[in-house]
Amino acid sequence: YLFYVHRNPPPSMRLVVSEDRGKTWQLNDEIVVYQKQQERGAGPGTSYASLWDDMALWSFGHPAGCFLDEHTLLLVYYAGPDQDNLSMHTARVELDG
């Protein structure tokens, strides 16, 4: 499992699964944990340098997670309406199997 910041439109926090230890990822089955309509630097035609500079201004990120048990993930990240109004968020994900 990989919990990550998706920096392309739509900007979001996503959970994705790999069944071969990270060689390939099941992108069609990603879970969108958090999504924002627009984030600075995430639009089409944004240069890599501009995106890199704008990441410091994003109002969500720092994904982390752990297993609570073999069928449950706890995900943690920060998010808010803007960079000056952020809070910690959690998501509990029940896994199949």
PDB file of N, CA and C in Angstrom:
ATOM      1  N   TYR A   1       0.841  -1.182   0.000  1.00  0.00           N
ATOM      2  CA  TYR A   1       0.000   0.000   0.000  1.00  0.00           C
ATOM      3  C   TYR A   1       0.878   1.235   0.000  1.00  0.00           C
ATOM      4  N   LEU A   2       0.427   2.259  -0.735  1.00  0.00           N
ATOM      5  CA  LEU A   2       1.133   3.529  -0.776  1.00  0.00           C
ATOM      6  C   LEU A   2       0.107   4.646  -0.620  1.00  0.00           C
ATOM      7  N   PHE A   3       0.296   5.478   0.373  1.00  0.00           N
ATOM      8  CA  PHE A   3      -0.538   6.656   0.595  1.00  0.00           C
ATOM      9  C   PHE A   3       0.306   7.847   0.164  1.00  0.00           C
ATOM     10  N   TYR A   4      -0.164   8.602  -0.834  1.00  0.00           N
ATOM     11  CA  TYR A   4       0.668   9.632  -1.418  1.00  0.00           C
ATOM     12  C   TYR A   4      -0.127  10.871  -1.828  1.00  0.00           C
ATOM     13  N   VAL A   5       0.612  11.965  -2.068  1.00  0.00           N
ATOM     14  CA  VAL A   5       0.038  13.205  -2.577  1.00  0.00           C
ATOM     15  C   VAL A   5       0.060  13.146  -4.100  1.00  0.00           C
ATOM     16  N   HIS A   6      -1.107  13.239  -4.698  1.00  0.00           N
ATOM     17  CA  HIS A   6      -1.258  13.271  -6.159  1.00  0.00           C
ATOM     18  C   HIS A   6      -1.191  14.736  -6.566  1.00  0.00           C
ATOM     19  N   ARG A   7      -0.105  15.142  -7.210  1.00  0.00           N
ATOM     20  CA  ARG A   7       0.148  16.559  -7.511  1.00  0.00           C
ATOM     21  C   ARG A   7      -0.430  17.008  -8.850  1.00  0.00           C
ATOM     22  N   ASN A   8      -1.066  16.118  -9.586  1.00  0.00           N
ATOM     23  CA  ASN A   8      -1.697  16.494 -10.854  1.00  0.00           C
ATOM     24  C   ASN A   8      -3.181  16.717 -10.621  1.00  0.00           C
ATOM     25  N   PRO A   9      -3.829  17.478 -11.509  1.00  0.00           N
ATOM     26  CA  PRO A   9      -5.271  17.701 -11.348  1.00  0.00           C
ATOM     27  C   PRO A   9      -6.057  16.390 -11.403  1.00  0.00           C
ATOM     28  N   PRO A  10      -7.012  16.186 -10.543  1.00  0.00           N
ATOM     29  CA  PRO A  10      -7.324  17.020  -9.395  1.00  0.00           C
ATOM     30  C   PRO A  10      -6.363  16.734  -8.244  1.00  0.00           C
ATOM     31  N   PRO A  11      -5.851  17.761  -7.565  1.00  0.00           N
ATOM     32  CA  PRO A  11      -4.927  17.554  -6.462  1.00  0.00           C
ATOM     33  C   PRO A  11      -5.616  16.777  -5.336  1.00  0.00           C
ATOM     34  N   SER A  12      -4.942  15.753  -4.841  1.00  0.00           N
ATOM     35  CA  SER A  12      -5.602  14.872  -3.879  1.00  0.00           C
ATOM     36  C   SER A  12      -4.587  14.050  -3.096  1.00  0.00           C
ATOM     37  N   MET A  13      -5.086  13.331  -2.098  1.00  0.00           N
ATOM     38  CA  MET A  13      -4.329  12.342  -1.337  1.00  0.00           C
ATOM     39  C   MET A  13      -4.952  10.999  -1.703  1.00  0.00           C
ATOM     40  N   ARG A  14      -4.103  10.053  -2.103  1.00  0.00           N
ATOM     41  CA  ARG A  14      -4.627   8.783  -2.609  1.00  0.00           C
ATOM     42  C   ARG A  14      -3.922   7.590  -1.984  1.00  0.00           C
ATOM     43  N   LEU A  15      -4.653   6.489  -1.937  1.00  0.00           N
ATOM     44  CA  LEU A  15      -4.125   5.211  -1.479  1.00  0.00           C
ATOM     45  C   LEU A  15      -4.172   4.252  -2.657  1.00  0.00           C
ATOM     46  N   VAL A  16      -3.045   3.608  -2.929  1.00  0.00           N
ATOM     47  CA  VAL A  16      -2.958   2.695  -4.061  1.00  0.00           C
ATOM     48  C   VAL A  16      -2.301   1.390  -3.599  1.00  0.00           C
ATOM     49  N   VAL A  17      -2.621   0.303  -4.298  1.00  0.00           N
ATOM     50  CA  VAL A  17      -2.151  -1.031  -3.929  1.00  0.00           C
ATOM     51  C   VAL A  17      -1.207  -1.576  -4.989  1.00  0.00           C
ATOM     52  N   SER A  18      -0.194  -2.281  -4.525  1.00  0.00           N
ATOM     53  CA  SER A  18       0.690  -3.061  -5.399  1.00  0.00           C
ATOM     54  C   SER A  18       0.680  -4.492  -4.891  1.00  0.00           C
ATOM     55  N   GLU A  19       0.505  -5.425  -5.801  1.00  0.00           N
ATOM     56  CA  GLU A  19       0.530  -6.838  -5.403  1.00  0.00           C
ATOM     57  C   GLU A  19       1.860  -7.496  -5.736  1.00  0.00           C
ATOM     58  N   ASP A  20       2.824  -6.706  -6.260  1.00  0.00           N
ATOM     59  CA  ASP A  20       4.136  -7.279  -6.607  1.00  0.00           C
ATOM     60  C   ASP A  20       5.272  -6.466  -5.981  1.00  0.00           C
ATOM     61  N   ARG A  21       5.045  -6.021  -4.751  1.00  0.00           N
ATOM     62  CA  ARG A  21       6.057  -5.306  -3.959  1.00  0.00           C
ATOM     63  C   ARG A  21       6.530  -4.013  -4.625  1.00  0.00           C
ATOM     64  N   GLY A  22       5.607  -3.306  -5.275  1.00  0.00           N
ATOM     65  CA  GLY A  22       5.894  -1.988  -5.822  1.00  0.00           C
ATOM     66  C   GLY A  22       6.384  -1.945  -7.254  1.00  0.00           C
ATOM     67  N   LYS A  23       6.426  -3.082  -7.931  1.00  0.00           N
ATOM     68  CA  LYS A  23       6.836  -3.071  -9.345  1.00  0.00           C
ATOM     69  C   LYS A  23       5.750  -2.439 -10.212  1.00  0.00           C
ATOM     70  N   THR A  24       4.505  -2.729  -9.912  1.00  0.00           N
ATOM     71  CA  THR A  24       3.366  -2.134 -10.606  1.00  0.00           C
ATOM     72  C   THR A  24       2.329  -1.723  -9.571  1.00  0.00           C
ATOM     73  N   TRP A  25       1.481  -0.767  -9.945  1.00  0.00           N
ATOM     74  CA  TRP A  25       0.457  -0.243  -9.037  1.00  0.00           C
ATOM     75  C   TRP A  25      -0.903  -0.310  -9.706  1.00  0.00           C
ATOM     76  N   GLN A  26      -1.934  -0.607  -8.951  1.00  0.00           N
ATOM     77  CA  GLN A  26      -3.306  -0.722  -9.453  1.00  0.00           C
ATOM     78  C   GLN A  26      -3.958   0.667  -9.466  1.00  0.00           C
ATOM     79  N   LEU A  27      -3.567   1.479 -10.426  1.00  0.00           N
ATOM     80  CA  LEU A  27      -4.017   2.868 -10.477  1.00  0.00           C
ATOM     81  C   LEU A  27      -5.519   2.999 -10.728  1.00  0.00           C
ATOM     82  N   ASN A  28      -6.123   2.028 -11.385  1.00  0.00           N
ATOM     83  CA  ASN A  28      -7.567   2.082 -11.636  1.00  0.00           C
ATOM     84  C   ASN A  28      -8.380   1.888 -10.365  1.00  0.00           C
ATOM     85  N   ASP A  29      -7.747   1.343  -9.328  1.00  0.00           N
ATOM     86  CA  ASP A  29      -8.444   1.074  -8.071  1.00  0.00           C
ATOM     87  C   ASP A  29      -8.004   1.993  -6.940  1.00  0.00           C
ATOM     88  N   GLU A  30      -7.347   3.114  -7.274  1.00  0.00           N
ATOM     89  CA  GLU A  30      -6.917   4.050  -6.237  1.00  0.00           C
ATOM     90  C   GLU A  30      -8.109   4.530  -5.417  1.00  0.00           C
ATOM     91  N   ILE A  31      -7.860   4.751  -4.144  1.00  0.00           N
ATOM     92  CA  ILE A  31      -8.866   5.350  -3.264  1.00  0.00           C
ATOM     93  C   ILE A  31      -8.477   6.809  -3.049  1.00  0.00           C
ATOM     94  N   VAL A  32      -9.366   7.728  -3.374  1.00  0.00           N
ATOM     95  CA  VAL A  32      -9.133   9.147  -3.113  1.00  0.00           C
ATOM     96  C   VAL A  32      -9.579   9.407  -1.673  1.00  0.00           C
ATOM     97  N   VAL A  33      -8.614   9.692  -0.818  1.00  0.00           N
ATOM     98  CA  VAL A  33      -8.878   9.920   0.602  1.00  0.00           C
ATOM     99  C   VAL A  33      -9.261  11.371   0.854  1.00  0.00           C
ATOM    100  N   TYR A  34      -8.640  12.298   0.114  1.00  0.00           N
ATOM    101  CA  TYR A  34      -8.908  13.722   0.244  1.00  0.00           C
ATOM    102  C   TYR A  34      -8.709  14.358  -1.122  1.00  0.00           C
ATOM    103  N   GLN A  35      -9.563  15.326  -1.480  1.00  0.00           N
ATOM    104  CA  GLN A  35      -9.416  15.998  -2.775  1.00  0.00           C
ATOM    105  C   GLN A  35      -9.727  17.472  -2.635  1.00  0.00           C
ATOM    106  N   LYS A  36      -8.979  18.268  -3.359  1.00  0.00           N
ATOM    107  CA  LYS A  36      -9.198  19.706  -3.413  1.00  0.00           C
ATOM    108  C   LYS A  36      -9.482  20.073  -4.867  1.00  0.00           C
ATOM    109  N   GLN A  37     -10.339  21.038  -5.095  1.00  0.00           N
ATOM    110  CA  GLN A  37     -10.690  21.407  -6.470  1.00  0.00           C
ATOM    111  C   GLN A  37      -9.517  22.048  -7.191  1.00  0.00           C
ATOM    112  N   GLN A  38      -8.781  22.903  -6.503  1.00  0.00           N
ATOM    113  CA  GLN A  38      -7.638  23.570  -7.126  1.00  0.00           C
ATOM    114  C   GLN A  38      -6.587  23.809  -6.068  1.00  0.00           C
ATOM    115  N   GLU A  39      -5.362  23.659  -6.458  1.00  0.00           N
ATOM    116  CA  GLU A  39      -4.233  23.957  -5.586  1.00  0.00           C
ATOM    117  C   GLU A  39      -3.204  24.679  -6.429  1.00  0.00           C
ATOM    118  N   ARG A  40      -2.569  25.644  -5.883  1.00  0.00           N
ATOM    119  CA  ARG A  40      -1.581  26.443  -6.614  1.00  0.00           C
ATOM    120  C   ARG A  40      -0.522  25.541  -7.248  1.00  0.00           C
ATOM    121  N   GLY A  41      -0.250  25.756  -8.531  1.00  0.00           N
ATOM    122  CA  GLY A  41       0.790  25.004  -9.219  1.00  0.00           C
ATOM    123  C   GLY A  41       0.353  23.657  -9.753  1.00  0.00           C
ATOM    124  N   ALA A  42      -0.929  23.310  -9.641  1.00  0.00           N
ATOM    125  CA  ALA A  42      -1.379  21.993 -10.076  1.00  0.00           C
ATOM    126  C   ALA A  42      -2.060  22.012 -11.437  1.00  0.00           C
ATOM    127  N   GLY A  43      -2.074  23.140 -12.086  1.00  0.00           N
ATOM    128  CA  GLY A  43      -2.777  23.242 -13.357  1.00  0.00           C
ATOM    129  C   GLY A  43      -1.969  22.738 -14.536  1.00  0.00           C
ATOM    130  N   PRO A  44      -2.621  22.555 -15.680  1.00  0.00           N
ATOM    131  CA  PRO A  44      -1.913  22.132 -16.879  1.00  0.00           C
ATOM    132  C   PRO A  44      -0.892  23.179 -17.303  1.00  0.00           C
ATOM    133  N   GLY A  45       0.226  22.731 -17.817  1.00  0.00           N
ATOM    134  CA  GLY A  45       1.252  23.624 -18.310  1.00  0.00           C
ATOM    135  C   GLY A  45       2.158  24.197 -17.233  1.00  0.00           C
ATOM    136  N   THR A  46       2.013  23.750 -16.001  1.00  0.00           N
ATOM    137  CA  THR A  46       2.872  24.224 -14.925  1.00  0.00           C
ATOM    138  C   THR A  46       4.260  23.617 -15.076  1.00  0.00           C
ATOM    139  N   SER A  47       5.268  24.444 -14.984  1.00  0.00           N
ATOM    140  CA  SER A  47       6.638  23.922 -15.089  1.00  0.00           C
ATOM    141  C   SER A  47       7.005  23.175 -13.813  1.00  0.00           C
ATOM    142  N   TYR A  48       7.970  22.277 -13.939  1.00  0.00           N
ATOM    143  CA  TYR A  48       8.418  21.516 -12.781  1.00  0.00           C
ATOM    144  C   TYR A  48       8.987  22.451 -11.710  1.00  0.00           C
ATOM    145  N   ALA A  49       9.741  23.468 -12.123  1.00  0.00           N
ATOM    146  CA  ALA A  49      10.324  24.420 -11.175  1.00  0.00           C
ATOM    147  C   ALA A  49       9.233  25.172 -10.421  1.00  0.00           C
ATOM    148  N   SER A  50       8.195  25.602 -11.130  1.00  0.00           N
ATOM    149  CA  SER A  50       7.087  26.306 -10.500  1.00  0.00           C
ATOM    150  C   SER A  50       6.333  25.391  -9.537  1.00  0.00           C
ATOM    151  N   LEU A  51       6.091  24.161  -9.963  1.00  0.00           N
ATOM    152  CA  LEU A  51       5.405  23.200  -9.102  1.00  0.00           C
ATOM    153  C   LEU A  51       6.213  22.974  -7.828  1.00  0.00           C
ATOM    154  N   TRP A  52       7.517  22.813  -7.955  1.00  0.00           N
ATOM    155  CA  TRP A  52       8.379  22.590  -6.800  1.00  0.00           C
ATOM    156  C   TRP A  52       8.281  23.773  -5.827  1.00  0.00           C
ATOM    157  N   ASP A  53       8.328  25.003  -6.340  1.00  0.00           N
ATOM    158  CA  ASP A  53       8.213  26.191  -5.488  1.00  0.00           C
ATOM    159  C   ASP A  53       6.848  26.270  -4.814  1.00  0.00           C
ATOM    160  N   ASP A  54       5.810  25.903  -5.545  1.00  0.00           N
ATOM    161  CA  ASP A  54       4.452  26.012  -5.017  1.00  0.00           C
ATOM    162  C   ASP A  54       4.116  24.944  -3.984  1.00  0.00           C
ATOM    163  N   MET A  55       4.848  23.834  -3.962  1.00  0.00           N
ATOM    164  CA  MET A  55       4.547  22.764  -3.002  1.00  0.00           C
ATOM    165  C   MET A  55       4.591  23.264  -1.565  1.00  0.00           C
ATOM    166  N   ALA A  56       5.448  24.222  -1.277  1.00  0.00           N
ATOM    167  CA  ALA A  56       5.544  24.769   0.077  1.00  0.00           C
ATOM    168  C   ALA A  56       4.266  25.507   0.483  1.00  0.00           C
ATOM    169  N   LEU A  57       3.449  25.884  -0.508  1.00  0.00           N
ATOM    170  CA  LEU A  57       2.223  26.625  -0.240  1.00  0.00           C
ATOM    171  C   LEU A  57       0.974  25.751  -0.243  1.00  0.00           C
ATOM    172  N   TRP A  58       1.125  24.469  -0.560  1.00  0.00           N
ATOM    173  CA  TRP A  58      -0.038  23.599  -0.634  1.00  0.00           C
ATOM    174  C   TRP A  58      -0.699  23.464   0.737  1.00  0.00           C
ATOM    175  N   SER A  59      -1.997  23.299   0.730  1.00  0.00           N
ATOM    176  CA  SER A  59      -2.745  23.239   1.981  1.00  0.00           C
ATOM    177  C   SER A  59      -3.130  21.813   2.375  1.00  0.00           C
ATOM    178  N   PHE A  60      -2.400  20.828   1.858  1.00  0.00           N
ATOM    179  CA  PHE A  60      -2.555  19.458   2.343  1.00  0.00           C
ATOM    180  C   PHE A  60      -1.296  18.677   2.002  1.00  0.00           C
ATOM    181  N   GLY A  61      -1.071  17.594   2.744  1.00  0.00           N
ATOM    182  CA  GLY A  61       0.097  16.780   2.452  1.00  0.00           C
ATOM    183  C   GLY A  61       0.609  15.987   3.638  1.00  0.00           C
ATOM    184  N   HIS A  62       1.873  15.602   3.578  1.00  0.00           N
ATOM    185  CA  HIS A  62       2.581  14.776   4.563  1.00  0.00           C
ATOM    186  C   HIS A  62       1.815  13.500   4.907  1.00  0.00           C
ATOM    187  N   PRO A  63       1.578  12.648   3.912  1.00  0.00           N
ATOM    188  CA  PRO A  63       0.853  11.404   4.175  1.00  0.00           C
ATOM    189  C   PRO A  63       1.686  10.441   5.026  1.00  0.00           C
ATOM    190  N   ALA A  64       1.015   9.787   5.934  1.00  0.00           N
ATOM    191  CA  ALA A  64       1.632   8.746   6.758  1.00  0.00           C
ATOM    192  C   ALA A  64       0.552   7.726   7.088  1.00  0.00           C
ATOM    193  N   GLY A  65       0.966   6.534   7.412  1.00  0.00           N
ATOM    194  CA  GLY A  65      -0.014   5.514   7.752  1.00  0.00           C
ATOM    195  C   GLY A  65       0.620   4.349   8.473  1.00  0.00           C
ATOM    196  N   CYS A  66      -0.239   3.562   9.105  1.00  0.00           N
ATOM    197  CA  CYS A  66       0.225   2.350   9.772  1.00  0.00           C
ATOM    198  C   CYS A  66      -0.922   1.347   9.802  1.00  0.00           C
ATOM    199  N   PHE A  67      -0.569   0.080   9.984  1.00  0.00           N
ATOM    200  CA  PHE A  67      -1.568  -0.964  10.148  1.00  0.00           C
ATOM    201  C   PHE A  67      -2.033  -0.991  11.597  1.00  0.00           C
ATOM    202  N   LEU A  68      -3.344  -0.965  11.800  1.00  0.00           N
ATOM    203  CA  LEU A  68      -3.893  -1.169  13.133  1.00  0.00           C
ATOM    204  C   LEU A  68      -4.001  -2.658  13.435  1.00  0.00           C
ATOM    205  N   ASP A  69      -4.316  -3.402  12.390  1.00  0.00           N
ATOM    206  CA  ASP A  69      -4.299  -4.866  12.424  1.00  0.00           C
ATOM    207  C   ASP A  69      -4.145  -5.311  10.972  1.00  0.00           C
ATOM    208  N   GLU A  70      -4.219  -6.589  10.695  1.00  0.00           N
ATOM    209  CA  GLU A  70      -3.944  -7.053   9.326  1.00  0.00           C
ATOM    210  C   GLU A  70      -4.996  -6.632   8.307  1.00  0.00           C
ATOM    211  N   HIS A  71      -6.129  -6.105   8.749  1.00  0.00           N
ATOM    212  CA  HIS A  71      -7.197  -5.703   7.827  1.00  0.00           C
ATOM    213  C   HIS A  71      -7.558  -4.221   7.915  1.00  0.00           C
ATOM    214  N   THR A  72      -6.793  -3.443   8.697  1.00  0.00           N
ATOM    215  CA  THR A  72      -7.163  -2.047   8.912  1.00  0.00           C
ATOM    216  C   THR A  72      -5.934  -1.138   8.837  1.00  0.00           C
ATOM    217  N   LEU A  73      -6.046  -0.092   8.000  1.00  0.00           N
ATOM    218  CA  LEU A  73      -5.014   0.939   7.910  1.00  0.00           C
ATOM    219  C   LEU A  73      -5.515   2.214   8.578  1.00  0.00           C
ATOM    220  N   LEU A  74      -4.608   2.917   9.255  1.00  0.00           N
ATOM    221  CA  LEU A  74      -4.888   4.251   9.763  1.00  0.00           C
ATOM    222  C   LEU A  74      -4.014   5.214   8.981  1.00  0.00           C
ATOM    223  N   LEU A  75      -4.625   6.169   8.276  1.00  0.00           N
ATOM    224  CA  LEU A  75      -3.912   7.158   7.473  1.00  0.00           C
ATOM    225  C   LEU A  75      -4.000   8.505   8.168  1.00  0.00           C
ATOM    226  N   VAL A  76      -2.913   9.277   8.108  1.00  0.00           N
ATOM    227  CA  VAL A  76      -2.845  10.589   8.748  1.00  0.00           C
ATOM    228  C   VAL A  76      -2.247  11.573   7.747  1.00  0.00           C
ATOM    229  N   TYR A  77      -2.791  12.795   7.701  1.00  0.00           N
ATOM    230  CA  TYR A  77      -2.288  13.842   6.819  1.00  0.00           C
ATOM    231  C   TYR A  77      -2.771  15.191   7.337  1.00  0.00           C
ATOM    232  N   TYR A  78      -2.209  16.279   6.808  1.00  0.00           N
ATOM    233  CA  TYR A  78      -2.725  17.600   7.170  1.00  0.00           C
ATOM    234  C   TYR A  78      -3.517  18.152   5.990  1.00  0.00           C
ATOM    235  N   ALA A  79      -4.501  18.988   6.292  1.00  0.00           N
ATOM    236  CA  ALA A  79      -5.308  19.619   5.251  1.00  0.00           C
ATOM    237  C   ALA A  79      -6.049  20.804   5.849  1.00  0.00           C
ATOM    238  N   GLY A  80      -6.418  21.731   4.968  1.00  0.00           N
ATOM    239  CA  GLY A  80      -7.190  22.887   5.397  1.00  0.00           C
ATOM    240  C   GLY A  80      -7.516  23.774   4.219  1.00  0.00           C
ATOM    241  N   PRO A  81      -8.265  24.836   4.458  1.00  0.00           N
ATOM    242  CA  PRO A  81      -8.678  25.719   3.358  1.00  0.00           C
ATOM    243  C   PRO A  81      -7.517  26.503   2.751  1.00  0.00           C
ATOM    244  N   ASP A  82      -6.466  26.780   3.541  1.00  0.00           N
ATOM    245  CA  ASP A  82      -5.281  27.467   3.030  1.00  0.00           C
ATOM    246  C   ASP A  82      -4.105  27.159   3.952  1.00  0.00           C
ATOM    247  N   GLN A  83      -2.925  27.602   3.570  1.00  0.00           N
ATOM    248  CA  GLN A  83      -1.716  27.223   4.305  1.00  0.00           C
ATOM    249  C   GLN A  83      -1.673  27.762   5.734  1.00  0.00           C
ATOM    250  N   ASP A  84      -2.514  28.743   6.053  1.00  0.00           N
ATOM    251  CA  ASP A  84      -2.549  29.302   7.406  1.00  0.00           C
ATOM    252  C   ASP A  84      -3.637  28.693   8.280  1.00  0.00           C
ATOM    253  N   ASN A  85      -4.437  27.796   7.726  1.00  0.00           N
ATOM    254  CA  ASN A  85      -5.546  27.172   8.458  1.00  0.00           C
ATOM    255  C   ASN A  85      -5.531  25.669   8.227  1.00  0.00           C
ATOM    256  N   LEU A  86      -4.606  24.981   8.854  1.00  0.00           N
ATOM    257  CA  LEU A  86      -4.422  23.546   8.639  1.00  0.00           C
ATOM    258  C   LEU A  86      -4.729  22.770   9.917  1.00  0.00           C
ATOM    259  N   SER A  87      -5.127  21.530   9.740  1.00  0.00           N
ATOM    260  CA  SER A  87      -5.327  20.649  10.880  1.00  0.00           C
ATOM    261  C   SER A  87      -4.977  19.218  10.474  1.00  0.00           C
ATOM    262  N   MET A  88      -4.813  18.380  11.468  1.00  0.00           N
ATOM    263  CA  MET A  88      -4.524  16.974  11.218  1.00  0.00           C
ATOM    264  C   MET A  88      -5.817  16.236  10.898  1.00  0.00           C
ATOM    265  N   HIS A  89      -5.755  15.351   9.913  1.00  0.00           N
ATOM    266  CA  HIS A  89      -6.907  14.531   9.541  1.00  0.00           C
ATOM    267  C   HIS A  89      -6.496  13.064   9.598  1.00  0.00           C
ATOM    268  N   THR A  90      -7.467  12.226   9.849  1.00  0.00           N
ATOM    269  CA  THR A  90      -7.230  10.782   9.848  1.00  0.00           C
ATOM    270  C   THR A  90      -8.279  10.100   8.983  1.00  0.00           C
ATOM    271  N   ALA A  91      -7.915   8.944   8.468  1.00  0.00           N
ATOM    272  CA  ALA A  91      -8.862   8.104   7.720  1.00  0.00           C
ATOM    273  C   ALA A  91      -8.560   6.656   8.088  1.00  0.00           C
ATOM    274  N   ARG A  92      -9.587   5.930   8.361  1.00  0.00           N
ATOM    275  CA  ARG A  92      -9.457   4.502   8.662  1.00  0.00           C
ATOM    276  C   ARG A  92      -9.940   3.737   7.463  1.00  0.00           C
ATOM    277  N   VAL A  93      -9.113   2.817   6.956  1.00  0.00           N
ATOM    278  CA  VAL A  93      -9.443   2.056   5.752  1.00  0.00           C
ATOM    279  C   VAL A  93      -9.493   0.584   6.102  1.00  0.00           C
ATOM    280  N   GLU A  94     -10.645  -0.034   5.846  1.00  0.00           N
ATOM    281  CA  GLU A  94     -10.808  -1.474   6.052  1.00  0.00           C
ATOM    282  C   GLU A  94     -10.425  -2.180   4.758  1.00  0.00           C
ATOM    283  N   LEU A  95      -9.511  -3.126   4.842  1.00  0.00           N
ATOM    284  CA  LEU A  95      -9.005  -3.838   3.675  1.00  0.00           C
ATOM    285  C   LEU A  95      -9.783  -5.130   3.446  1.00  0.00           C
ATOM    286  N   ASP A  96      -9.966  -5.486   2.175  1.00  0.00           N
ATOM    287  CA  ASP A  96     -10.620  -6.759   1.851  1.00  0.00           C
ATOM    288  C   ASP A  96      -9.677  -7.901   2.194  1.00  0.00           C
ATOM    289  N   GLY A  97     -10.257  -9.035   2.515  1.00  0.00           N
ATOM    290  CA  GLY A  97      -9.430 -10.227   2.718  1.00  0.00           C
ATOM    291  C   GLY A  97      -9.286 -10.554   4.110  1.00  0.00           C
TER     292      GLY A  97
END
